[in-house]
């Protein structure tokens, strides 16, 4: 049964558990080193990590008051707690992995923009094509989220939120919002607050979708970046139980962000002295 919408998206429980993004990133990098080659994103086509299914987003048909999968649930009080131990990103030693680079502003020095986060005008994933319709920069992290996510972003020191909307050309649109923070621990805390999600970005060539109804959503983080994805039909209808296109679009677009961020880390690691 759907949870009634309360000023945002209605919700249903999602799959039981989200992948361990940090372990996946480490394994991907170890494999890349063994093969003595870089994993490169080019021409709008996602790389081998996505093709292998290693970066599938944790999906949920969720709403602003729904909880995340058990593995991502916050403390019972719902309050952000202090780090139990110093973050790896706080180490004085230079990072040795791409993930280490993008885990702190100390090492992640390259510019961040809608152009660097959403570089491809068209994404093709296993025959599914998505065209970028709109981009947006939310400079104070207060105009791009709903249902309690704004408080999670600002409460953890969000710098900016970068959004892009893509369309599949068949009546489906998906918005991904990438929030930047000082550290990986702050990004993870913002992601793990189980309330709300990104607002659909409707401007330029993007038309209205998900107007306060049940849509497919996901929330993820990698390094100092948290990213939130929402997809649904342009008819304004809910994403039905039998719908497969919207959940797949969420997975595809979230995975493209994962790949872009990890490639950012690789480029940053190559630029470190020594």
C-alpha atoms as a PDB file:
ATOM      1  CA  UNK A   1       0.000   0.000   0.000  1.00  0.00           C
ATOM      2  CA  UNK A   2       1.291   3.470  -0.868  1.00  0.00           C
ATOM      3  CA  UNK A   3       2.043   5.913   1.914  1.00  0.00           C
ATOM      4  CA  UNK A   4      -0.070   9.009   1.353  1.00  0.00           C
ATOM      5  CA  UNK A   5       1.830  11.907  -0.217  1.00  0.00           C
ATOM      6  CA  UNK A   6       2.494  14.740   2.221  1.00  0.00           C
ATOM      7  CA  UNK A   7       3.520  17.682   0.104  1.00  0.00           C
ATOM      8  CA  UNK A   8       5.925  15.519  -1.855  1.00  0.00           C
ATOM      9  CA  UNK A   9       6.271  12.002  -3.160  1.00  0.00           C
ATOM     10  CA  UNK A  10       4.227   9.091  -1.828  1.00  0.00           C
ATOM     11  CA  UNK A  11       6.278   6.042  -0.927  1.00  0.00           C
ATOM     12  CA  UNK A  12       6.775   2.313  -0.788  1.00  0.00           C
ATOM     13  CA  UNK A  13       9.623   0.344   0.782  1.00  0.00           C
ATOM     14  CA  UNK A  14      12.584  -0.301  -1.501  1.00  0.00           C
ATOM     15  CA  UNK A  15      15.005  -3.209  -1.833  1.00  0.00           C
ATOM     16  CA  UNK A  16      16.530  -4.449   1.433  1.00  0.00           C
ATOM     17  CA  UNK A  17      20.058  -3.133   1.215  1.00  0.00           C
ATOM     18  CA  UNK A  18      22.277  -0.593  -0.567  1.00  0.00           C
ATOM     19  CA  UNK A  19      25.694  -1.606  -1.971  1.00  0.00           C
ATOM     20  CA  UNK A  20      28.842  -0.575  -0.098  1.00  0.00           C
ATOM     21  CA  UNK A  21      29.950   2.210  -2.437  1.00  0.00           C
ATOM     22  CA  UNK A  22      33.366   2.610  -0.819  1.00  0.00           C
ATOM     23  CA  UNK A  23      34.177  -1.096  -1.078  1.00  0.00           C
ATOM     24  CA  UNK A  24      33.000  -1.081  -4.683  1.00  0.00           C
ATOM     25  CA  UNK A  25      35.217   1.877  -5.497  1.00  0.00           C
ATOM     26  CA  UNK A  26      38.244   0.246  -3.883  1.00  0.00           C
ATOM     27  CA  UNK A  27      37.629  -3.019  -5.739  1.00  0.00           C
ATOM     28  CA  UNK A  28      37.165  -1.168  -9.022  1.00  0.00           C
ATOM     29  CA  UNK A  29      40.446   0.669  -8.530  1.00  0.00           C
ATOM     30  CA  UNK A  30      42.328  -2.476  -7.530  1.00  0.00           C
ATOM     31  CA  UNK A  31      41.097  -4.190 -10.683  1.00  0.00           C
ATOM     32  CA  UNK A  32      42.122  -1.179 -12.757  1.00  0.00           C
ATOM     33  CA  UNK A  33      45.632  -1.234 -11.302  1.00  0.00           C
ATOM     34  CA  UNK A  34      45.977  -4.960 -11.983  1.00  0.00           C
ATOM     35  CA  UNK A  35      45.059  -4.409 -15.603  1.00  0.00           C
ATOM     36  CA  UNK A  36      47.412  -1.391 -15.749  1.00  0.00           C
ATOM     37  CA  UNK A  37      44.913   0.809 -17.416  1.00  0.00           C
ATOM     38  CA  UNK A  38      42.552   3.631 -16.523  1.00  0.00           C
ATOM     39  CA  UNK A  39      38.824   3.303 -16.575  1.00  0.00           C
ATOM     40  CA  UNK A  40      37.685   6.168 -18.814  1.00  0.00           C
ATOM     41  CA  UNK A  41      34.240   7.598 -19.419  1.00  0.00           C
ATOM     42  CA  UNK A  42      33.905   8.836 -22.981  1.00  0.00           C
ATOM     43  CA  UNK A  43      31.354   9.647 -25.636  1.00  0.00           C
ATOM     44  CA  UNK A  44      28.508   9.554 -23.136  1.00  0.00           C
ATOM     45  CA  UNK A  45      28.828   5.776 -22.698  1.00  0.00           C
ATOM     46  CA  UNK A  46      29.267   4.414 -19.173  1.00  0.00           C
ATOM     47  CA  UNK A  47      32.318   2.292 -18.430  1.00  0.00           C
ATOM     48  CA  UNK A  48      32.926  -1.302 -17.551  1.00  0.00           C
ATOM     49  CA  UNK A  49      32.031  -0.915 -13.886  1.00  0.00           C
ATOM     50  CA  UNK A  50      28.459  -0.079 -14.851  1.00  0.00           C
ATOM     51  CA  UNK A  51      28.333  -2.790 -17.498  1.00  0.00           C
ATOM     52  CA  UNK A  52      29.334  -5.308 -14.847  1.00  0.00           C
ATOM     53  CA  UNK A  53      26.450  -4.134 -12.674  1.00  0.00           C
ATOM     54  CA  UNK A  54      28.814  -3.167  -9.868  1.00  0.00           C
ATOM     55  CA  UNK A  55      27.405   0.298  -9.333  1.00  0.00           C
ATOM     56  CA  UNK A  56      23.660  -0.248  -9.490  1.00  0.00           C
ATOM     57  CA  UNK A  57      21.877   2.368  -7.429  1.00  0.00           C
ATOM     58  CA  UNK A  58      19.826   1.334  -4.421  1.00  0.00           C
ATOM     59  CA  UNK A  59      16.288   2.049  -5.533  1.00  0.00           C
ATOM     60  CA  UNK A  60      13.175   2.885  -3.630  1.00  0.00           C
ATOM     61  CA  UNK A  61       9.752   4.127  -4.552  1.00  0.00           C
ATOM     62  CA  UNK A  62       9.833   6.535  -1.697  1.00  0.00           C
ATOM     63  CA  UNK A  63       8.499   9.758  -0.284  1.00  0.00           C
ATOM     64  CA  UNK A  64       9.630  12.553   2.001  1.00  0.00           C
ATOM     65  CA  UNK A  65       8.728  10.670   5.178  1.00  0.00           C
ATOM     66  CA  UNK A  66       9.861   7.198   4.115  1.00  0.00           C
ATOM     67  CA  UNK A  67      12.954   5.623   5.659  1.00  0.00           C
ATOM     68  CA  UNK A  68      15.978   4.484   3.633  1.00  0.00           C
ATOM     69  CA  UNK A  69      17.089   0.850   3.374  1.00  0.00           C
ATOM     70  CA  UNK A  70      18.160  -0.624   6.711  1.00  0.00           C
ATOM     71  CA  UNK A  71      21.844  -0.386   5.888  1.00  0.00           C
ATOM     72  CA  UNK A  72      21.542   3.379   5.418  1.00  0.00           C
ATOM     73  CA  UNK A  73      19.215   4.205   8.322  1.00  0.00           C
ATOM     74  CA  UNK A  74      20.305   6.990  10.713  1.00  0.00           C
ATOM     75  CA  UNK A  75      20.453   6.672  14.481  1.00  0.00           C
ATOM     76  CA  UNK A  76      17.114   6.089  16.259  1.00  0.00           C
ATOM     77  CA  UNK A  77      16.973   9.722  17.316  1.00  0.00           C
ATOM     78  CA  UNK A  78      17.310  10.834  13.708  1.00  0.00           C
ATOM     79  CA  UNK A  79      19.945  13.369  14.761  1.00  0.00           C
ATOM     80  CA  UNK A  80      23.347  13.682  13.173  1.00  0.00           C
ATOM     81  CA  UNK A  81      26.016  12.292  15.486  1.00  0.00           C
ATOM     82  CA  UNK A  82      29.694  13.089  15.772  1.00  0.00           C
ATOM     83  CA  UNK A  83      32.112  10.932  13.839  1.00  0.00           C
ATOM     84  CA  UNK A  84      33.072   7.849  15.813  1.00  0.00           C
ATOM     85  CA  UNK A  85      36.596   8.063  14.426  1.00  0.00           C
ATOM     86  CA  UNK A  86      38.517  10.563  12.304  1.00  0.00           C
ATOM     87  CA  UNK A  87      37.652  10.374   8.625  1.00  0.00           C
ATOM     88  CA  UNK A  88      40.271   8.936   6.329  1.00  0.00           C
ATOM     89  CA  UNK A  89      40.001  12.184   4.398  1.00  0.00           C
ATOM     90  CA  UNK A  90      41.353  14.071   7.421  1.00  0.00           C
ATOM     91  CA  UNK A  91      44.707  12.316   7.199  1.00  0.00           C
ATOM     92  CA  UNK A  92      47.709  14.538   6.530  1.00  0.00           C
ATOM     93  CA  UNK A  93      49.166  11.973   4.140  1.00  0.00           C
ATOM     94  CA  UNK A  94      48.262  12.382   0.451  1.00  0.00           C
ATOM     95  CA  UNK A  95      45.587   9.959  -0.750  1.00  0.00           C
ATOM     96  CA  UNK A  96      46.602   6.890  -2.716  1.00  0.00           C
ATOM     97  CA  UNK A  97      43.236   6.116  -4.341  1.00  0.00           C
ATOM     98  CA  UNK A  98      40.750   8.122  -6.435  1.00  0.00           C
ATOM     99  CA  UNK A  99      38.195   7.766  -3.650  1.00  0.00           C
ATOM    100  CA  UNK A 100      40.653   9.305  -1.207  1.00  0.00           C
ATOM    101  CA  UNK A 101      41.045  12.324  -3.485  1.00  0.00           C
ATOM    102  CA  UNK A 102      37.318  13.081  -3.699  1.00  0.00           C
ATOM    103  CA  UNK A 103      36.739  12.485   0.016  1.00  0.00           C
ATOM    104  CA  UNK A 104      37.959  15.927   1.116  1.00  0.00           C
ATOM    105  CA  UNK A 105      38.294  19.447  -0.235  1.00  0.00           C
ATOM    106  CA  UNK A 106      41.921  19.261   0.922  1.00  0.00           C
ATOM    107  CA  UNK A 107      42.714  17.056  -2.083  1.00  0.00           C
ATOM    108  CA  UNK A 108      39.732  17.562  -4.399  1.00  0.00           C
ATOM    109  CA  UNK A 109      40.907  20.823  -5.957  1.00  0.00           C
ATOM    110  CA  UNK A 110      39.445  20.767  -9.462  1.00  0.00           C
ATOM    111  CA  UNK A 111      36.571  23.104 -10.262  1.00  0.00           C
ATOM    112  CA  UNK A 112      33.034  21.828  -9.800  1.00  0.00           C
ATOM    113  CA  UNK A 113      30.234  22.914 -12.128  1.00  0.00           C
ATOM    114  CA  UNK A 114      27.223  21.562 -13.967  1.00  0.00           C
ATOM    115  CA  UNK A 115      29.589  21.100 -16.889  1.00  0.00           C
ATOM    116  CA  UNK A 116      32.049  18.914 -14.982  1.00  0.00           C
ATOM    117  CA  UNK A 117      29.364  16.874 -13.218  1.00  0.00           C
ATOM    118  CA  UNK A 118      27.069  16.434 -16.251  1.00  0.00           C
ATOM    119  CA  UNK A 119      29.465  16.651 -19.204  1.00  0.00           C
ATOM    120  CA  UNK A 120      27.580  14.550 -21.748  1.00  0.00           C
ATOM    121  CA  UNK A 121      24.585  15.951 -23.635  1.00  0.00           C
ATOM    122  CA  UNK A 122      23.515  12.365 -24.305  1.00  0.00           C
ATOM    123  CA  UNK A 123      24.037   9.238 -22.210  1.00  0.00           C
ATOM    124  CA  UNK A 124      23.652   5.777 -23.693  1.00  0.00           C
ATOM    125  CA  UNK A 125      23.484   2.860 -21.274  1.00  0.00           C
ATOM    126  CA  UNK A 126      23.050  -0.641 -22.702  1.00  0.00           C
ATOM    127  CA  UNK A 127      20.899   0.705 -25.509  1.00  0.00           C
ATOM    128  CA  UNK A 128      18.931   3.135 -23.338  1.00  0.00           C
ATOM    129  CA  UNK A 129      19.464   6.768 -24.349  1.00  0.00           C
ATOM    130  CA  UNK A 130      18.946   9.827 -22.165  1.00  0.00           C
ATOM    131  CA  UNK A 131      19.203  13.403 -23.405  1.00  0.00           C
ATOM    132  CA  UNK A 132      20.129  16.244 -21.060  1.00  0.00           C
ATOM    133  CA  UNK A 133      17.255  18.724 -20.995  1.00  0.00           C
ATOM    134  CA  UNK A 134      18.188  21.192 -18.253  1.00  0.00           C
ATOM    135  CA  UNK A 135      20.838  22.036 -15.652  1.00  0.00           C
ATOM    136  CA  UNK A 136      20.765  24.214 -12.571  1.00  0.00           C
ATOM    137  CA  UNK A 137      22.952  25.465  -9.701  1.00  0.00           C
ATOM    138  CA  UNK A 138      21.451  25.928  -6.236  1.00  0.00           C
ATOM    139  CA  UNK A 139      24.058  28.067  -4.470  1.00  0.00           C
ATOM    140  CA  UNK A 140      22.666  27.814  -0.946  1.00  0.00           C
ATOM    141  CA  UNK A 141      21.243  24.261  -1.057  1.00  0.00           C
ATOM    142  CA  UNK A 142      17.740  25.419  -0.173  1.00  0.00           C
ATOM    143  CA  UNK A 143      15.849  25.403  -3.476  1.00  0.00           C
ATOM    144  CA  UNK A 144      16.488  21.945  -4.898  1.00  0.00           C
ATOM    145  CA  UNK A 145      15.098  19.514  -2.312  1.00  0.00           C
ATOM    146  CA  UNK A 146      11.832  18.677  -0.570  1.00  0.00           C
ATOM    147  CA  UNK A 147      10.401  16.777   2.366  1.00  0.00           C
ATOM    148  CA  UNK A 148      13.176  17.422   4.905  1.00  0.00           C
ATOM    149  CA  UNK A 149      16.202  16.902   2.656  1.00  0.00           C
ATOM    150  CA  UNK A 150      16.936  20.642   2.677  1.00  0.00           C
ATOM    151  CA  UNK A 151      17.541  20.492   6.425  1.00  0.00           C
ATOM    152  CA  UNK A 152      19.814  17.479   6.004  1.00  0.00           C
ATOM    153  CA  UNK A 153      21.834  19.322   3.372  1.00  0.00           C
ATOM    154  CA  UNK A 154      22.217  22.626   5.175  1.00  0.00           C
ATOM    155  CA  UNK A 155      22.697  20.947   8.553  1.00  0.00           C
ATOM    156  CA  UNK A 156      25.747  19.129   7.213  1.00  0.00           C
ATOM    157  CA  UNK A 157      27.334  22.172   5.623  1.00  0.00           C
ATOM    158  CA  UNK A 158      26.266  21.731   1.992  1.00  0.00           C
ATOM    159  CA  UNK A 159      28.173  24.044  -0.352  1.00  0.00           C
ATOM    160  CA  UNK A 160      26.108  23.813  -3.546  1.00  0.00           C
ATOM    161  CA  UNK A 161      23.607  21.539  -5.266  1.00  0.00           C
ATOM    162  CA  UNK A 162      24.005  20.886  -8.991  1.00  0.00           C
ATOM    163  CA  UNK A 163      21.008  19.409 -10.834  1.00  0.00           C
ATOM    164  CA  UNK A 164      20.377  18.009 -14.269  1.00  0.00           C
ATOM    165  CA  UNK A 165      17.237  16.612 -15.856  1.00  0.00           C
ATOM    166  CA  UNK A 166      17.388  13.973 -18.596  1.00  0.00           C
ATOM    167  CA  UNK A 167      14.613  12.591 -20.805  1.00  0.00           C
ATOM    168  CA  UNK A 168      14.372   9.224 -22.529  1.00  0.00           C
ATOM    169  CA  UNK A 169      12.293  10.546 -25.419  1.00  0.00           C
ATOM    170  CA  UNK A 170       9.388   8.308 -24.450  1.00  0.00           C
ATOM    171  CA  UNK A 171       7.569  10.335 -21.825  1.00  0.00           C
ATOM    172  CA  UNK A 172       9.980   9.782 -18.929  1.00  0.00           C
ATOM    173  CA  UNK A 173      12.238  12.300 -17.193  1.00  0.00           C
ATOM    174  CA  UNK A 174      14.793  11.943 -14.414  1.00  0.00           C
ATOM    175  CA  UNK A 175      16.485  14.576 -12.270  1.00  0.00           C
ATOM    176  CA  UNK A 176      19.728  13.994 -10.388  1.00  0.00           C
ATOM    177  CA  UNK A 177      20.943  16.463  -7.753  1.00  0.00           C
ATOM    178  CA  UNK A 178      24.591  16.380  -6.646  1.00  0.00           C
ATOM    179  CA  UNK A 179      25.349  18.108  -3.335  1.00  0.00           C
ATOM    180  CA  UNK A 180      28.913  19.011  -2.365  1.00  0.00           C
ATOM    181  CA  UNK A 181      30.366  18.980   1.150  1.00  0.00           C
ATOM    182  CA  UNK A 182      33.708  19.457   2.868  1.00  0.00           C
ATOM    183  CA  UNK A 183      34.181  15.759   3.605  1.00  0.00           C
ATOM    184  CA  UNK A 184      32.915  12.263   2.940  1.00  0.00           C
ATOM    185  CA  UNK A 185      31.480  11.968   6.452  1.00  0.00           C
ATOM    186  CA  UNK A 186      29.264  15.031   5.967  1.00  0.00           C
ATOM    187  CA  UNK A 187      28.030  13.758   2.604  1.00  0.00           C
ATOM    188  CA  UNK A 188      27.211  10.362   4.107  1.00  0.00           C
ATOM    189  CA  UNK A 189      25.273  11.964   6.963  1.00  0.00           C
ATOM    190  CA  UNK A 190      23.222  14.046   4.548  1.00  0.00           C
ATOM    191  CA  UNK A 191      22.445  10.961   2.475  1.00  0.00           C
ATOM    192  CA  UNK A 192      21.511   8.876   5.490  1.00  0.00           C
ATOM    193  CA  UNK A 193      18.850  11.277   6.695  1.00  0.00           C
ATOM    194  CA  UNK A 194      15.859   9.346   5.399  1.00  0.00           C
ATOM    195  CA  UNK A 195      13.544  12.266   4.671  1.00  0.00           C
ATOM    196  CA  UNK A 196      12.799  13.768   1.296  1.00  0.00           C
ATOM    197  CA  UNK A 197      14.587  13.796  -2.019  1.00  0.00           C
ATOM    198  CA  UNK A 198      15.584  16.118  -4.831  1.00  0.00           C
ATOM    199  CA  UNK A 199      12.934  18.272  -6.456  1.00  0.00           C
ATOM    200  CA  UNK A 200      12.425  17.575 -10.149  1.00  0.00           C
ATOM    201  CA  UNK A 201      14.227  20.234 -12.183  1.00  0.00           C
ATOM    202  CA  UNK A 202      11.711  21.699 -14.643  1.00  0.00           C
ATOM    203  CA  UNK A 203      13.150  24.377 -16.925  1.00  0.00           C
ATOM    204  CA  UNK A 204      14.490  24.843 -20.439  1.00  0.00           C
ATOM    205  CA  UNK A 205      13.478  21.672 -22.363  1.00  0.00           C
ATOM    206  CA  UNK A 206      12.303  19.762 -19.278  1.00  0.00           C
ATOM    207  CA  UNK A 207       8.545  19.539 -18.722  1.00  0.00           C
ATOM    208  CA  UNK A 208       6.736  19.031 -15.388  1.00  0.00           C
ATOM    209  CA  UNK A 209       6.893  15.551 -13.839  1.00  0.00           C
ATOM    210  CA  UNK A 210       6.453  13.970 -10.405  1.00  0.00           C
ATOM    211  CA  UNK A 211       4.163  16.742  -9.100  1.00  0.00           C
ATOM    212  CA  UNK A 212       3.874  15.500  -5.497  1.00  0.00           C
ATOM    213  CA  UNK A 213       3.169  11.888  -6.480  1.00  0.00           C
ATOM    214  CA  UNK A 214       4.948   8.562  -6.069  1.00  0.00           C
ATOM    215  CA  UNK A 215       8.098   8.446  -8.170  1.00  0.00           C
ATOM    216  CA  UNK A 216      11.190   6.263  -8.367  1.00  0.00           C
ATOM    217  CA  UNK A 217      14.008   7.705  -6.251  1.00  0.00           C
ATOM    218  CA  UNK A 218      17.452   6.853  -4.936  1.00  0.00           C
ATOM    219  CA  UNK A 219      19.999   8.458  -2.617  1.00  0.00           C
ATOM    220  CA  UNK A 220      23.718   7.742  -2.735  1.00  0.00           C
ATOM    221  CA  UNK A 221      27.055   9.242  -1.745  1.00  0.00           C
ATOM    222  CA  UNK A 222      30.633   8.865  -2.930  1.00  0.00           C
ATOM    223  CA  UNK A 223      33.425  10.795  -1.290  1.00  0.00           C
ATOM    224  CA  UNK A 224      32.346  14.329  -0.404  1.00  0.00           C
ATOM    225  CA  UNK A 225      29.411  14.173  -2.826  1.00  0.00           C
ATOM    226  CA  UNK A 226      25.845  13.068  -2.057  1.00  0.00           C
ATOM    227  CA  UNK A 227      23.480  12.592  -4.963  1.00  0.00           C
ATOM    228  CA  UNK A 228      19.742  12.169  -5.110  1.00  0.00           C
ATOM    229  CA  UNK A 229      17.720  10.950  -8.087  1.00  0.00           C
ATOM    230  CA  UNK A 230      14.017  11.090  -8.955  1.00  0.00           C
ATOM    231  CA  UNK A 231      12.286   9.780 -12.088  1.00  0.00           C
ATOM    232  CA  UNK A 232       8.738   9.607 -13.352  1.00  0.00           C
ATOM    233  CA  UNK A 233       6.421  10.050 -16.347  1.00  0.00           C
ATOM    234  CA  UNK A 234       5.736  13.450 -17.850  1.00  0.00           C
ATOM    235  CA  UNK A 235       2.015  12.708 -17.591  1.00  0.00           C
ATOM    236  CA  UNK A 236       2.250  13.545 -13.887  1.00  0.00           C
ATOM    237  CA  UNK A 237       0.992  10.108 -12.929  1.00  0.00           C
ATOM    238  CA  UNK A 238       2.500   7.960 -10.182  1.00  0.00           C
ATOM    239  CA  UNK A 239       5.180   5.384 -10.944  1.00  0.00           C
ATOM    240  CA  UNK A 240       3.184   2.169 -10.819  1.00  0.00           C
ATOM    241  CA  UNK A 241       4.394  -1.097  -9.291  1.00  0.00           C
ATOM    242  CA  UNK A 242       4.758  -2.623 -12.744  1.00  0.00           C
ATOM    243  CA  UNK A 243       6.766   0.302 -14.117  1.00  0.00           C
ATOM    244  CA  UNK A 244      10.330  -0.695 -15.009  1.00  0.00           C
ATOM    245  CA  UNK A 245      11.452   2.351 -17.020  1.00  0.00           C
ATOM    246  CA  UNK A 246      11.520   4.843 -14.135  1.00  0.00           C
ATOM    247  CA  UNK A 247      13.500   2.628 -11.714  1.00  0.00           C
ATOM    248  CA  UNK A 248      15.908   1.770 -14.530  1.00  0.00           C
ATOM    249  CA  UNK A 249      16.372   5.456 -15.358  1.00  0.00           C
ATOM    250  CA  UNK A 250      17.219   6.145 -11.714  1.00  0.00           C
ATOM    251  CA  UNK A 251      19.838   3.382 -11.782  1.00  0.00           C
ATOM    252  CA  UNK A 252      21.315   4.537 -15.081  1.00  0.00           C
ATOM    253  CA  UNK A 253      21.619   8.220 -14.194  1.00  0.00           C
ATOM    254  CA  UNK A 254      22.864   7.589 -10.638  1.00  0.00           C
ATOM    255  CA  UNK A 255      25.483   5.205 -12.014  1.00  0.00           C
ATOM    256  CA  UNK A 256      26.637   7.835 -14.515  1.00  0.00           C
ATOM    257  CA  UNK A 257      27.221  10.259 -11.632  1.00  0.00           C
ATOM    258  CA  UNK A 258      29.164   7.564  -9.760  1.00  0.00           C
ATOM    259  CA  UNK A 259      31.396   7.013 -12.786  1.00  0.00           C
ATOM    260  CA  UNK A 260      31.946  10.743 -13.313  1.00  0.00           C
ATOM    261  CA  UNK A 261      32.939  11.253  -9.673  1.00  0.00           C
ATOM    262  CA  UNK A 262      35.309   8.303  -9.660  1.00  0.00           C
ATOM    263  CA  UNK A 263      36.932   9.535 -12.869  1.00  0.00           C
ATOM    264  CA  UNK A 264      37.311  12.930 -11.184  1.00  0.00           C
ATOM    265  CA  UNK A 265      39.204  11.185  -8.403  1.00  0.00           C
ATOM    266  CA  UNK A 266      41.456   9.407 -10.888  1.00  0.00           C
ATOM    267  CA  UNK A 267      42.312  12.672 -12.604  1.00  0.00           C
ATOM    268  CA  UNK A 268      43.019  14.320  -9.256  1.00  0.00           C
ATOM    269  CA  UNK A 269      45.215  11.449  -8.140  1.00  0.00           C
ATOM    270  CA  UNK A 270      47.265  11.726 -11.321  1.00  0.00           C
ATOM    271  CA  UNK A 271      47.794  15.451 -10.637  1.00  0.00           C
ATOM    272  CA  UNK A 272      49.165  14.959  -7.111  1.00  0.00           C
ATOM    273  CA  UNK A 273      52.898  15.700  -6.802  1.00  0.00           C
ATOM    274  CA  UNK A 274      55.242  12.726  -6.623  1.00  0.00           C
END
